[in-house]
Amino acid sequence: MLINDIVYGAGNPAGWAYIQEPTAKEAKFLQRQGFEVLDINHEDCLEAVLQEVANHA
């Protein structure tokens, strides 16, 4: 499977999946592949990153 080739040898977590309200099937598949599922949209993620950068500036 392609995802196995992409994450082969990756650390833990192998990556992050930004999925708002993932289905149980999606979450289970990604967790089996070593991904951390984050129930967040890209705007909230960007806002959190910018806030973190501002706090450390």
Protein backbone atom coordinates (compact mmCIF):
# COMPACT_ATOMS: atom_id res chain seq x y z
CA MET A 1 0.00 0.00 0.00
CA LEU A 2 1.31 3.47 -0.83
CA ILE A 3 0.91 4.90 2.68
CA ASN A 4 3.14 2.11 4.05
CA ASP A 5 5.87 3.10 1.60
CA ILE A 6 5.58 6.77 2.55
CA VAL A 7 5.86 6.25 6.32
CA TYR A 8 8.33 3.35 6.24
CA GLY A 9 11.01 4.03 8.86
CA ALA A 10 9.26 7.13 10.17
CA GLY A 11 9.40 7.93 13.85
CA ASN A 12 6.49 7.97 16.22
CA PRO A 13 4.13 9.53 15.31
CA ALA A 14 4.67 8.90 11.62
CA GLY A 15 2.73 12.07 10.91
CA TRP A 16 -0.36 14.05 11.74
CA ALA A 17 -3.74 14.01 10.08
CA TYR A 18 -5.82 17.15 10.43
CA ILE A 19 -9.35 15.85 9.99
CA GLN A 20 -12.38 17.56 11.47
CA GLU A 21 -14.74 14.95 12.90
CA PRO A 22 -13.01 11.86 11.48
CA THR A 23 -15.07 8.72 11.11
CA ALA A 24 -14.15 5.76 13.28
CA LYS A 25 -12.86 3.97 10.18
CA GLU A 26 -10.60 6.90 9.20
CA ALA A 27 -9.23 7.29 12.73
CA LYS A 28 -8.56 3.56 13.12
CA PHE A 29 -6.77 3.33 9.77
CA LEU A 30 -4.56 6.33 10.45
CA GLN A 31 -3.72 5.20 13.97
CA ARG A 32 -2.72 1.76 12.65
CA GLN A 33 -0.36 3.52 10.23
CA GLY A 34 1.21 5.50 13.10
CA PHE A 35 -0.47 8.83 12.47
CA GLU A 36 -1.79 11.07 15.22
CA VAL A 37 -5.31 12.22 14.34
CA LEU A 38 -5.98 15.85 15.25
CA ASP A 39 -9.63 16.86 15.25
CA ILE A 40 -8.96 20.40 14.05
CA ASN A 41 -9.33 22.39 10.86
CA HIS A 42 -6.46 24.18 9.14
CA GLU A 43 -7.56 27.66 10.26
CA ASP A 44 -7.58 26.66 13.94
CA CYS A 45 -4.23 24.93 13.51
CA LEU A 46 -2.66 28.01 11.91
CA GLU A 47 -4.09 30.24 14.64
CA ALA A 48 -2.63 27.98 17.34
CA VAL A 49 0.80 27.96 15.67
CA LEU A 50 0.84 31.74 15.28
CA GLN A 51 -0.20 32.18 18.91
CA GLU A 52 2.61 29.85 20.02
CA VAL A 53 5.15 31.77 17.95
CA ALA A 54 3.91 35.08 19.38
CA ASN A 55 4.24 33.72 22.92
CA HIS A 56 7.87 32.80 22.31
CA ALA A 57 8.88 35.95 20.43
